[in-house]
C-alpha cells in the first residue's frame, strides 16, 4: 500500500508540472484571485476524478487478470513516459475560463473536465490497474496534484519562470519508464 501511494504521488507530482491543469490553475488564480477556494476546487475535482480512475483501473485489472493485460499496463507506462516529454499548451483567451458560480465551483468544474483524458488521469487508471489499492492510488495522485498546483495557485507565472519544465518532464518520464520496466520485470519473473 505504501508503494502504491508513493509511486502515485511521485508520478503525478512530476507529471503535473507544466501540464494543462497546472496552466489552468495559474489562469484561475490570476483571474479569480481566491487561492483557497481554487485549491478547494482542485482538491475536490481531483479526488473524485482520480478516485473513479483508480477504481476503473483496479476493476479492469480484475476482469482481465492475465499476463497480456499486465504487459499492456507496463507498455502503457512506457508510452506515458514518451507522452510526458511532450509539452502541454493551454488556450489563454478571454473565454477559456468563465467564472459563474464563484471560484470554488468554477475551479471544480473546470478541473474535473480538463482532467478527463489528461495524462495524469490515464496514469491514475494505470496505477489503479497495477496496484490493488484504490485508496492508496487516489490519495497519492491527489496529493501529487496538490503538491504541483498549490505553488502554481500562489506563485502563478513566477514559478513557471523559475522551474525548468523540461527537467520536470524528463523526471516524470523517467518515473513512468521505471514503473513500466518494473511491471515488465514482475510479469516475466512469473513466466
Protein backbone atom coordinates (compact mmCIF):
# COMPACT_ATOMS: atom_id res chain seq x y z
CA UNK A 1 0.00 0.00 0.00
CA UNK A 2 2.89 2.36 0.77
CA UNK A 3 4.49 1.56 -2.59
CA UNK A 4 1.20 2.35 -4.38
CA UNK A 5 0.85 5.64 -2.50
CA UNK A 6 4.46 6.77 -3.07
CA UNK A 7 4.53 5.75 -6.74
CA UNK A 8 1.22 7.53 -7.34
CA UNK A 9 2.36 10.66 -5.54
CA UNK A 10 5.68 10.84 -7.40
CA UNK A 11 4.20 10.15 -10.83
CA UNK A 12 1.53 12.84 -10.60
CA UNK A 13 3.62 15.45 -8.73
CA UNK A 14 6.21 15.39 -11.52
CA UNK A 15 3.85 14.78 -14.44
CA UNK A 16 1.61 17.67 -13.39
CA UNK A 17 4.36 20.30 -13.61
CA UNK A 18 3.78 22.13 -16.88
CA UNK A 19 0.60 20.12 -17.54
CA UNK A 20 -2.50 21.88 -18.86
CA UNK A 21 -4.22 21.61 -15.47
CA UNK A 22 -1.29 23.43 -13.86
CA UNK A 23 -1.60 26.12 -16.51
CA UNK A 24 -5.34 26.24 -15.75
CA UNK A 25 -4.54 26.74 -12.05
CA UNK A 26 -2.34 29.73 -12.95
CA UNK A 27 -5.07 31.25 -15.15
CA UNK A 28 -7.74 30.72 -12.47
CA UNK A 29 -5.51 32.25 -9.79
CA UNK A 30 -4.81 35.30 -11.95
CA UNK A 31 -8.45 35.83 -12.87
CA UNK A 32 -10.37 34.82 -9.77
CA UNK A 33 -7.95 35.89 -7.03
CA UNK A 34 -9.34 33.42 -4.47
CA UNK A 35 -6.47 30.97 -3.83
CA UNK A 36 -8.09 28.92 -1.04
CA UNK A 37 -11.32 28.43 -2.95
CA UNK A 38 -9.34 27.50 -6.06
CA UNK A 39 -7.31 24.93 -4.08
CA UNK A 40 -10.53 23.53 -2.63
CA UNK A 41 -11.95 23.16 -6.14
CA UNK A 42 -8.75 21.48 -7.38
CA UNK A 43 -8.81 19.05 -4.44
CA UNK A 44 -12.50 18.16 -4.80
CA UNK A 45 -12.28 17.69 -8.58
CA UNK A 46 -9.10 15.63 -8.31
CA UNK A 47 -10.22 13.31 -5.52
CA UNK A 48 -13.43 12.48 -7.40
CA UNK A 49 -11.76 12.14 -10.82
CA UNK A 50 -8.77 10.15 -9.58
CA UNK A 51 -10.86 8.04 -7.19
CA UNK A 52 -13.04 6.96 -10.10
CA UNK A 53 -9.98 6.48 -12.32
CA UNK A 54 -8.18 4.28 -9.77
CA UNK A 55 -11.38 2.26 -9.29
CA UNK A 56 -11.75 1.79 -13.05
CA UNK A 57 -8.12 0.69 -13.30
CA UNK A 58 -8.50 -1.82 -10.46
CA UNK A 59 -11.77 -3.23 -11.82
CA UNK A 60 -10.45 -3.58 -15.36
CA UNK A 61 -7.35 -5.31 -14.00
CA UNK A 62 -9.61 -7.66 -12.01
CA UNK A 63 -11.62 -8.53 -15.10
CA UNK A 64 -8.62 -9.04 -17.32
CA UNK A 65 -6.13 -10.57 -14.92
CA UNK A 66 -3.77 -12.10 -17.42
CA UNK A 67 -0.13 -11.75 -18.30
CA UNK A 68 -1.08 -10.00 -21.55
CA UNK A 69 -3.02 -7.34 -19.62
CA UNK A 70 -0.11 -6.86 -17.21
CA UNK A 71 2.22 -6.43 -20.20
CA UNK A 72 -0.24 -3.90 -21.70
CA UNK A 73 -0.21 -1.93 -18.42
CA UNK A 74 3.60 -1.95 -18.45
CA UNK A 75 3.69 -0.78 -22.06
CA UNK A 76 1.13 1.87 -21.12
CA UNK A 77 3.54 3.26 -18.52
CA UNK A 78 6.33 3.29 -21.10
CA UNK A 79 4.03 5.12 -23.56
CA UNK A 80 3.18 7.59 -20.77
CA UNK A 81 6.92 8.24 -20.42
CA UNK A 82 7.05 9.32 -24.06
CA UNK A 83 3.79 11.32 -23.78
CA UNK A 84 5.11 13.17 -20.73
CA UNK A 85 8.02 14.52 -22.75
CA UNK A 86 5.57 16.42 -25.00
CA UNK A 87 4.78 19.86 -23.50
CA UNK A 88 1.14 20.83 -22.92
CA UNK A 89 -0.36 24.07 -24.14
CA UNK A 90 -3.37 25.90 -22.74
CA UNK A 91 -5.53 28.26 -24.77
CA UNK A 92 -5.42 31.51 -22.79
CA UNK A 93 -8.15 33.52 -24.48
CA UNK A 94 -10.73 35.51 -22.54
CA UNK A 95 -13.47 32.88 -22.97
CA UNK A 96 -11.28 29.99 -21.80
CA UNK A 97 -12.33 30.45 -18.17
CA UNK A 98 -15.83 31.55 -17.35
CA UNK A 99 -16.50 32.06 -13.68
CA UNK A 100 -20.15 31.58 -12.93
CA UNK A 101 -20.95 30.22 -9.51
CA UNK A 102 -17.88 31.50 -7.68
CA UNK A 103 -14.22 30.48 -7.64
CA UNK A 104 -14.75 27.08 -5.95
CA UNK A 105 -17.44 25.87 -8.34
CA UNK A 106 -15.65 27.30 -11.37
CA UNK A 107 -12.43 25.51 -10.41
CA UNK A 108 -14.23 22.28 -9.52
CA UNK A 109 -15.99 22.05 -12.88
CA UNK A 110 -13.04 23.30 -14.96
CA UNK A 111 -10.53 20.96 -13.32
CA UNK A 112 -12.80 17.94 -13.49
CA UNK A 113 -13.47 18.48 -17.19
CA UNK A 114 -9.89 19.33 -18.15
CA UNK A 115 -8.59 16.29 -16.24
CA UNK A 116 -10.73 13.89 -18.31
CA UNK A 117 -8.37 12.12 -20.68
CA UNK A 118 -5.37 14.01 -19.31
CA UNK A 119 -2.11 12.14 -18.83
CA UNK A 120 -2.46 12.22 -15.02
CA UNK A 121 -5.90 10.60 -15.29
CA UNK A 122 -4.58 7.94 -17.65
CA UNK A 123 -1.67 7.39 -15.28
CA UNK A 124 -4.11 7.02 -12.37
CA UNK A 125 -6.05 4.35 -14.28
CA UNK A 126 -2.79 2.50 -14.99
CA UNK A 127 -1.69 2.83 -11.35
CA UNK A 128 -5.08 1.51 -10.23
CA UNK A 129 -4.57 -1.46 -12.55
CA UNK A 130 -1.06 -2.11 -11.27
CA UNK A 131 -1.74 -1.73 -7.55
CA UNK A 132 -4.76 -3.24 -5.85
CA UNK A 133 -5.48 -0.22 -3.64
CA UNK A 134 -7.88 2.43 -4.90
CA UNK A 135 -7.44 4.42 -1.68
CA UNK A 136 -3.62 4.49 -1.84
CA UNK A 137 -3.57 5.36 -5.56
CA UNK A 138 -6.28 8.06 -5.35
CA UNK A 139 -4.73 9.57 -2.22
CA UNK A 140 -1.25 9.57 -3.76
CA UNK A 141 -2.31 11.05 -7.09
CA UNK A 142 -4.47 13.69 -5.39
CA UNK A 143 -1.64 14.70 -3.06
CA UNK A 144 0.71 14.81 -6.06
CA UNK A 145 -1.77 17.10 -7.85
CA UNK A 146 -1.94 19.37 -4.80
CA UNK A 147 1.86 19.45 -4.40
CA UNK A 148 2.24 20.58 -8.00
CA UNK A 149 -0.68 23.01 -8.14
CA UNK A 150 -0.51 24.76 -4.76
CA UNK A 151 2.61 26.74 -5.70
CA UNK A 152 1.04 27.44 -9.11
CA UNK A 153 -2.01 28.98 -7.44
CA UNK A 154 0.01 31.13 -5.03
CA UNK A 155 3.01 31.99 -7.18
CA UNK A 156 1.47 31.83 -10.65
CA UNK A 157 3.74 32.51 -13.54
CA UNK A 158 6.74 33.25 -11.31
CA UNK A 159 7.09 29.53 -10.63
CA UNK A 160 6.88 28.65 -14.32
CA UNK A 161 9.73 31.09 -14.99
CA UNK A 162 11.93 29.58 -12.25
CA UNK A 163 11.26 25.84 -12.58
CA UNK A 164 12.61 24.00 -15.58
CA UNK A 165 9.54 22.42 -17.14
CA UNK A 166 11.79 20.38 -19.41
CA UNK A 167 13.68 18.91 -16.44
CA UNK A 168 10.46 18.05 -14.62
CA UNK A 169 9.02 16.41 -17.75
CA UNK A 170 12.20 14.32 -18.03
CA UNK A 171 11.95 13.33 -14.35
CA UNK A 172 8.29 12.36 -14.76
CA UNK A 173 9.11 10.39 -17.91
CA UNK A 174 11.86 8.56 -16.02
CA UNK A 175 9.40 7.60 -13.27
CA UNK A 176 6.86 6.33 -15.82
CA UNK A 177 9.59 4.39 -17.63
CA UNK A 178 10.83 2.87 -14.37
CA UNK A 179 7.29 1.80 -13.41
CA UNK A 180 6.80 0.22 -16.84
CA UNK A 181 10.08 -1.66 -16.70
CA UNK A 182 9.38 -2.85 -13.13
CA UNK A 183 5.96 -4.11 -14.23
CA UNK A 184 7.53 -5.97 -17.17
CA UNK A 185 10.13 -7.48 -14.82
CA UNK A 186 7.32 -8.68 -12.50
CA UNK A 187 5.41 -10.25 -15.39
CA UNK A 188 8.44 -12.02 -16.87
CA UNK A 189 9.55 -13.20 -13.43
CA UNK A 190 6.26 -15.11 -13.20
CA UNK A 191 6.72 -16.83 -16.58
